[in-house]
């Protein structure tokens, strides 16, 4: 699983990627460098393989059947 984060400023079409660090306690830290002024939006995404998503849903479904 990967966590990605970035800043986006739609009004000027700017974006910047973040450096994301896993704190190994279930949390992550993202550090940005903004090269412009304004009120950017922080966006995040969790990247998982299709197999990982399928397994997670199957385990959840099985847990509710018990």
PDB file of N, CA and C in Angstrom:
ATOM      1  N   UNK A   1       0.846  -1.168   0.000  1.00  0.00           N
ATOM      2  CA  UNK A   1       0.000   0.000   0.000  1.00  0.00           C
ATOM      3  C   UNK A   1       0.896   1.237   0.000  1.00  0.00           C
ATOM      4  N   UNK A   2       0.525   2.193  -0.783  1.00  0.00           N
ATOM      5  CA  UNK A   2       1.230   3.467  -0.841  1.00  0.00           C
ATOM      6  C   UNK A   2       0.257   4.588  -0.507  1.00  0.00           C
ATOM      7  N   UNK A   3       0.763   5.610   0.151  1.00  0.00           N
ATOM      8  CA  UNK A   3      -0.020   6.816   0.405  1.00  0.00           C
ATOM      9  C   UNK A   3       0.661   7.943  -0.346  1.00  0.00           C
ATOM     10  N   UNK A   4      -0.116   8.662  -1.124  1.00  0.00           N
ATOM     11  CA  UNK A   4       0.413   9.796  -1.883  1.00  0.00           C
ATOM     12  C   UNK A   4      -0.357  11.046  -1.497  1.00  0.00           C
ATOM     13  N   UNK A   5       0.327  12.180  -1.542  1.00  0.00           N
ATOM     14  CA  UNK A   5      -0.317  13.452  -1.208  1.00  0.00           C
ATOM     15  C   UNK A   5       0.246  14.538  -2.108  1.00  0.00           C
ATOM     16  N   UNK A   6      -0.582  15.544  -2.389  1.00  0.00           N
ATOM     17  CA  UNK A   6      -0.131  16.661  -3.200  1.00  0.00           C
ATOM     18  C   UNK A   6      -0.982  17.884  -2.917  1.00  0.00           C
ATOM     19  N   UNK A   7      -0.433  19.031  -3.240  1.00  0.00           N
ATOM     20  CA  UNK A   7      -1.145  20.308  -3.159  1.00  0.00           C
ATOM     21  C   UNK A   7      -1.602  20.665  -4.559  1.00  0.00           C
ATOM     22  N   UNK A   8      -2.775  21.241  -4.677  1.00  0.00           N
ATOM     23  CA  UNK A   8      -3.272  21.698  -5.975  1.00  0.00           C
ATOM     24  C   UNK A   8      -3.889  23.078  -5.812  1.00  0.00           C
ATOM     25  N   UNK A   9      -3.573  23.951  -6.721  1.00  0.00           N
ATOM     26  CA  UNK A   9      -4.149  25.302  -6.758  1.00  0.00           C
ATOM     27  C   UNK A   9      -4.846  25.448  -8.104  1.00  0.00           C
ATOM     28  N   UNK A  10      -6.136  25.059  -8.172  1.00  0.00           N
ATOM     29  CA  UNK A  10      -6.856  25.060  -9.442  1.00  0.00           C
ATOM     30  C   UNK A  10      -6.921  26.425 -10.126  1.00  0.00           C
ATOM     31  N   UNK A  11      -6.944  27.495  -9.353  1.00  0.00           N
ATOM     32  CA  UNK A  11      -7.104  28.821  -9.957  1.00  0.00           C
ATOM     33  C   UNK A  11      -5.930  29.208 -10.852  1.00  0.00           C
ATOM     34  N   UNK A  12      -4.746  28.666 -10.567  1.00  0.00           N
ATOM     35  CA  UNK A  12      -3.586  28.982 -11.414  1.00  0.00           C
ATOM     36  C   UNK A  12      -3.006  27.740 -12.083  1.00  0.00           C
ATOM     37  N   UNK A  13      -3.633  26.581 -11.858  1.00  0.00           N
ATOM     38  CA  UNK A  13      -3.184  25.347 -12.493  1.00  0.00           C
ATOM     39  C   UNK A  13      -1.879  24.804 -11.935  1.00  0.00           C
ATOM     40  N   UNK A  14      -1.587  25.087 -10.673  1.00  0.00           N
ATOM     41  CA  UNK A  14      -0.337  24.634 -10.066  1.00  0.00           C
ATOM     42  C   UNK A  14      -0.576  23.398  -9.197  1.00  0.00           C
ATOM     43  N   UNK A  15       0.461  22.574  -9.072  1.00  0.00           N
ATOM     44  CA  UNK A  15       0.404  21.401  -8.202  1.00  0.00           C
ATOM     45  C   UNK A  15       1.813  21.057  -7.746  1.00  0.00           C
ATOM     46  N   UNK A  16       1.905  20.442  -6.576  1.00  0.00           N
ATOM     47  CA  UNK A  16       3.197  20.015  -6.036  1.00  0.00           C
ATOM     48  C   UNK A  16       3.003  18.722  -5.257  1.00  0.00           C
ATOM     49  N   UNK A  17       3.888  17.763  -5.473  1.00  0.00           N
ATOM     50  CA  UNK A  17       3.840  16.485  -4.761  1.00  0.00           C
ATOM     51  C   UNK A  17       4.440  16.632  -3.373  1.00  0.00           C
ATOM     52  N   UNK A  18       4.030  15.740  -2.491  1.00  0.00           N
ATOM     53  CA  UNK A  18       4.548  15.743  -1.117  1.00  0.00           C
ATOM     54  C   UNK A  18       5.467  14.557  -0.905  1.00  0.00           C
ATOM     55  N   UNK A  19       6.319  14.684   0.082  1.00  0.00           N
ATOM     56  CA  UNK A  19       7.093  13.548   0.558  1.00  0.00           C
ATOM     57  C   UNK A  19       6.278  12.949   1.695  1.00  0.00           C
ATOM     58  N   UNK A  20       5.894  11.677   1.573  1.00  0.00           N
ATOM     59  CA  UNK A  20       5.051  11.020   2.567  1.00  0.00           C
ATOM     60  C   UNK A  20       5.901  10.018   3.347  1.00  0.00           C
ATOM     61  N   UNK A  21       5.807  10.086   4.678  1.00  0.00           N
ATOM     62  CA  UNK A  21       6.576   9.202   5.551  1.00  0.00           C
ATOM     63  C   UNK A  21       5.608   8.361   6.379  1.00  0.00           C
ATOM     64  N   UNK A  22       5.837   7.045   6.399  1.00  0.00           N
ATOM     65  CA  UNK A  22       5.053   6.134   7.230  1.00  0.00           C
ATOM     66  C   UNK A  22       5.626   6.174   8.642  1.00  0.00           C
ATOM     67  N   UNK A  23       4.809   6.520   9.627  1.00  0.00           N
ATOM     68  CA  UNK A  23       5.261   6.595  11.015  1.00  0.00           C
ATOM     69  C   UNK A  23       5.264   5.235  11.716  1.00  0.00           C
ATOM     70  N   UNK A  24       4.879   4.185  10.991  1.00  0.00           N
ATOM     71  CA  UNK A  24       4.843   2.812  11.514  1.00  0.00           C
ATOM     72  C   UNK A  24       3.939   2.652  12.733  1.00  0.00           C
ATOM     73  N   UNK A  25       2.943   3.508  12.847  1.00  0.00           N
ATOM     74  CA  UNK A  25       1.957   3.375  13.920  1.00  0.00           C
ATOM     75  C   UNK A  25       0.541   3.575  13.383  1.00  0.00           C
ATOM     76  N   UNK A  26       0.384   3.392  12.071  1.00  0.00           N
ATOM     77  CA  UNK A  26      -0.921   3.576  11.444  1.00  0.00           C
ATOM     78  C   UNK A  26      -1.167   4.982  10.949  1.00  0.00           C
ATOM     79  N   UNK A  27      -0.190   5.872  11.110  1.00  0.00           N
ATOM     80  CA  UNK A  27      -0.330   7.247  10.636  1.00  0.00           C
ATOM     81  C   UNK A  27       0.781   7.571   9.649  1.00  0.00           C
ATOM     82  N   UNK A  28       0.544   8.622   8.882  1.00  0.00           N
ATOM     83  CA  UNK A  28       1.510   9.076   7.887  1.00  0.00           C
ATOM     84  C   UNK A  28       1.720  10.573   8.045  1.00  0.00           C
ATOM     85  N   UNK A  29       2.871  11.050   7.597  1.00  0.00           N
ATOM     86  CA  UNK A  29       3.175  12.485   7.630  1.00  0.00           C
ATOM     87  C   UNK A  29       3.537  12.905   6.214  1.00  0.00           C
ATOM     88  N   UNK A  30       2.944  13.992   5.765  1.00  0.00           N
ATOM     89  CA  UNK A  30       3.231  14.524   4.429  1.00  0.00           C
ATOM     90  C   UNK A  30       3.870  15.893   4.572  1.00  0.00           C
ATOM     91  N   UNK A  31       4.944  16.117   3.819  1.00  0.00           N
ATOM     92  CA  UNK A  31       5.639  17.404   3.853  1.00  0.00           C
ATOM     93  C   UNK A  31       5.641  17.990   2.447  1.00  0.00           C
ATOM     94  N   UNK A  32       5.166  19.232   2.351  1.00  0.00           N
ATOM     95  CA  UNK A  32       5.031  19.917   1.074  1.00  0.00           C
ATOM     96  C   UNK A  32       5.972  21.108   0.997  1.00  0.00           C
ATOM     97  N   UNK A  33       6.326  21.467  -0.217  1.00  0.00           N
ATOM     98  CA  UNK A  33       6.951  22.753  -0.493  1.00  0.00           C
ATOM     99  C   UNK A  33       6.072  23.431  -1.529  1.00  0.00           C
ATOM    100  N   UNK A  34       5.436  24.519  -1.127  1.00  0.00           N
ATOM    101  CA  UNK A  34       4.571  25.265  -2.049  1.00  0.00           C
ATOM    102  C   UNK A  34       5.401  26.356  -2.714  1.00  0.00           C
ATOM    103  N   UNK A  35       5.309  26.422  -4.014  1.00  0.00           N
ATOM    104  CA  UNK A  35       6.081  27.391  -4.781  1.00  0.00           C
ATOM    105  C   UNK A  35       5.236  28.583  -5.222  1.00  0.00           C
ATOM    106  N   UNK A  36       4.077  28.764  -4.597  1.00  0.00           N
ATOM    107  CA  UNK A  36       3.181  29.847  -4.967  1.00  0.00           C
ATOM    108  C   UNK A  36       2.378  30.268  -3.733  1.00  0.00           C
ATOM    109  N   UNK A  37       1.743  31.422  -3.834  1.00  0.00           N
ATOM    110  CA  UNK A  37       0.863  31.910  -2.772  1.00  0.00           C
ATOM    111  C   UNK A  37      -0.572  31.562  -3.126  1.00  0.00           C
ATOM    112  N   UNK A  38      -1.403  31.434  -2.124  1.00  0.00           N
ATOM    113  CA  UNK A  38      -2.809  31.149  -2.362  1.00  0.00           C
ATOM    114  C   UNK A  38      -3.361  30.205  -1.314  1.00  0.00           C
ATOM    115  N   UNK A  39      -4.472  29.579  -1.654  1.00  0.00           N
ATOM    116  CA  UNK A  39      -5.135  28.637  -0.756  1.00  0.00           C
ATOM    117  C   UNK A  39      -5.247  27.289  -1.467  1.00  0.00           C
ATOM    118  N   UNK A  40      -4.180  26.527  -1.479  1.00  0.00           N
ATOM    119  CA  UNK A  40      -4.205  25.254  -2.204  1.00  0.00           C
ATOM    120  C   UNK A  40      -5.059  24.203  -1.492  1.00  0.00           C
ATOM    121  N   UNK A  41      -5.506  23.234  -2.261  1.00  0.00           N
ATOM    122  CA  UNK A  41      -6.241  22.090  -1.733  1.00  0.00           C
ATOM    123  C   UNK A  41      -5.231  20.981  -1.464  1.00  0.00           C
ATOM    124  N   UNK A  42      -5.364  20.312  -0.322  1.00  0.00           N
ATOM    125  CA  UNK A  42      -4.537  19.148  -0.028  1.00  0.00           C
ATOM    126  C   UNK A  42      -5.307  17.922  -0.500  1.00  0.00           C
ATOM    127  N   UNK A  43      -4.670  17.107  -1.321  1.00  0.00           N
ATOM    128  CA  UNK A  43      -5.311  15.901  -1.842  1.00  0.00           C
ATOM    129  C   UNK A  43      -4.466  14.702  -1.455  1.00  0.00           C
ATOM    130  N   UNK A  44      -5.134  13.597  -1.127  1.00  0.00           N
ATOM    131  CA  UNK A  44      -4.430  12.373  -0.765  1.00  0.00           C
ATOM    132  C   UNK A  44      -5.053  11.188  -1.487  1.00  0.00           C
ATOM    133  N   UNK A  45      -4.259  10.139  -1.624  1.00  0.00           N
ATOM    134  CA  UNK A  45      -4.744   8.914  -2.252  1.00  0.00           C
ATOM    135  C   UNK A  45      -4.043   7.723  -1.613  1.00  0.00           C
ATOM    136  N   UNK A  46      -4.790   6.652  -1.419  1.00  0.00           N
ATOM    137  CA  UNK A  46      -4.219   5.392  -0.956  1.00  0.00           C
ATOM    138  C   UNK A  46      -4.183   4.476  -2.166  1.00  0.00           C
ATOM    139  N   UNK A  47      -2.991   4.033  -2.512  1.00  0.00           N
ATOM    140  CA  UNK A  47      -2.801   3.200  -3.693  1.00  0.00           C
ATOM    141  C   UNK A  47      -2.669   1.747  -3.245  1.00  0.00           C
ATOM    142  N   UNK A  48      -3.572   0.897  -3.732  1.00  0.00           N
ATOM    143  CA  UNK A  48      -3.539  -0.531  -3.405  1.00  0.00           C
ATOM    144  C   UNK A  48      -3.707  -1.329  -4.692  1.00  0.00           C
ATOM    145  N   UNK A  49      -3.146  -2.524  -4.709  1.00  0.00           N
ATOM    146  CA  UNK A  49      -3.328  -3.393  -5.867  1.00  0.00           C
ATOM    147  C   UNK A  49      -4.759  -3.928  -5.879  1.00  0.00           C
ATOM    148  N   UNK A  50      -5.187  -4.387  -7.017  1.00  0.00           N
ATOM    149  CA  UNK A  50      -6.521  -4.972  -7.144  1.00  0.00           C
ATOM    150  C   UNK A  50      -6.675  -6.176  -6.211  1.00  0.00           C
ATOM    151  N   UNK A  51      -5.607  -6.958  -6.093  1.00  0.00           N
ATOM    152  CA  UNK A  51      -5.646  -8.141  -5.237  1.00  0.00           C
ATOM    153  C   UNK A  51      -5.826  -7.753  -3.771  1.00  0.00           C
ATOM    154  N   UNK A  52      -5.156  -6.698  -3.326  1.00  0.00           N
ATOM    155  CA  UNK A  52      -5.278  -6.251  -1.937  1.00  0.00           C
ATOM    156  C   UNK A  52      -6.690  -5.760  -1.644  1.00  0.00           C
ATOM    157  N   UNK A  53      -7.279  -5.033  -2.571  1.00  0.00           N
ATOM    158  CA  UNK A  53      -8.650  -4.543  -2.388  1.00  0.00           C
ATOM    159  C   UNK A  53      -9.618  -5.715  -2.342  1.00  0.00           C
ATOM    160  N   UNK A  54      -9.454  -6.665  -3.245  1.00  0.00           N
ATOM    161  CA  UNK A  54     -10.325  -7.832  -3.286  1.00  0.00           C
ATOM    162  C   UNK A  54     -10.247  -8.625  -1.982  1.00  0.00           C
ATOM    163  N   UNK A  55      -9.036  -8.843  -1.486  1.00  0.00           N
ATOM    164  CA  UNK A  55      -8.856  -9.579  -0.232  1.00  0.00           C
ATOM    165  C   UNK A  55      -9.494  -8.844   0.934  1.00  0.00           C
ATOM    166  N   UNK A  56      -9.332  -7.537   0.994  1.00  0.00           N
ATOM    167  CA  UNK A  56      -9.913  -6.750   2.085  1.00  0.00           C
ATOM    168  C   UNK A  56     -11.435  -6.860   2.080  1.00  0.00           C
ATOM    169  N   UNK A  57     -12.052  -6.764   0.903  1.00  0.00           N
ATOM    170  CA  UNK A  57     -13.508  -6.867   0.828  1.00  0.00           C
ATOM    171  C   UNK A  57     -13.983  -8.271   1.182  1.00  0.00           C
ATOM    172  N   UNK A  58     -13.256  -9.290   0.743  1.00  0.00           N
ATOM    173  CA  UNK A  58     -13.639 -10.665   1.077  1.00  0.00           C
ATOM    174  C   UNK A  58     -13.573 -10.893   2.581  1.00  0.00           C
ATOM    175  N   UNK A  59     -12.506 -10.430   3.221  1.00  0.00           N
ATOM    176  CA  UNK A  59     -12.379 -10.603   4.671  1.00  0.00           C
ATOM    177  C   UNK A  59     -13.490  -9.874   5.407  1.00  0.00           C
ATOM    178  N   UNK A  60     -13.827  -8.691   4.952  1.00  0.00           N
ATOM    179  CA  UNK A  60     -14.898  -7.930   5.601  1.00  0.00           C
ATOM    180  C   UNK A  60     -16.235  -8.643   5.417  1.00  0.00           C
ATOM    181  N   UNK A  61     -16.491  -9.154   4.219  1.00  0.00           N
ATOM    182  CA  UNK A  61     -17.744  -9.854   3.948  1.00  0.00           C
ATOM    183  C   UNK A  61     -17.849 -11.106   4.805  1.00  0.00           C
ATOM    184  N   UNK A  62     -16.761 -11.866   4.901  1.00  0.00           N
ATOM    185  CA  UNK A  62     -16.766 -13.092   5.699  1.00  0.00           C
ATOM    186  C   UNK A  62     -16.992 -12.761   7.171  1.00  0.00           C
ATOM    187  N   UNK A  63     -16.377 -11.688   7.667  1.00  0.00           N
ATOM    188  CA  UNK A  63     -16.536 -11.307   9.073  1.00  0.00           C
ATOM    189  C   UNK A  63     -17.992 -10.986   9.404  1.00  0.00           C
ATOM    190  N   UNK A  64     -18.731 -10.400   8.465  1.00  0.00           N
ATOM    191  CA  UNK A  64     -20.130 -10.070   8.715  1.00  0.00           C
ATOM    192  C   UNK A  64     -21.040 -11.287   8.613  1.00  0.00           C
ATOM    193  N   UNK A  65     -20.584 -12.360   7.989  1.00  0.00           N
ATOM    194  CA  UNK A  65     -21.384 -13.570   7.860  1.00  0.00           C
ATOM    195  C   UNK A  65     -21.356 -14.412   9.131  1.00  0.00           C
ATOM    196  N   UNK A  66     -20.366 -14.195   9.984  1.00  0.00           N
ATOM    197  CA  UNK A  66     -20.217 -15.020  11.194  1.00  0.00           C
ATOM    198  C   UNK A  66     -21.212 -14.590  12.248  1.00  0.00           C
TER     199      UNK A  66
END
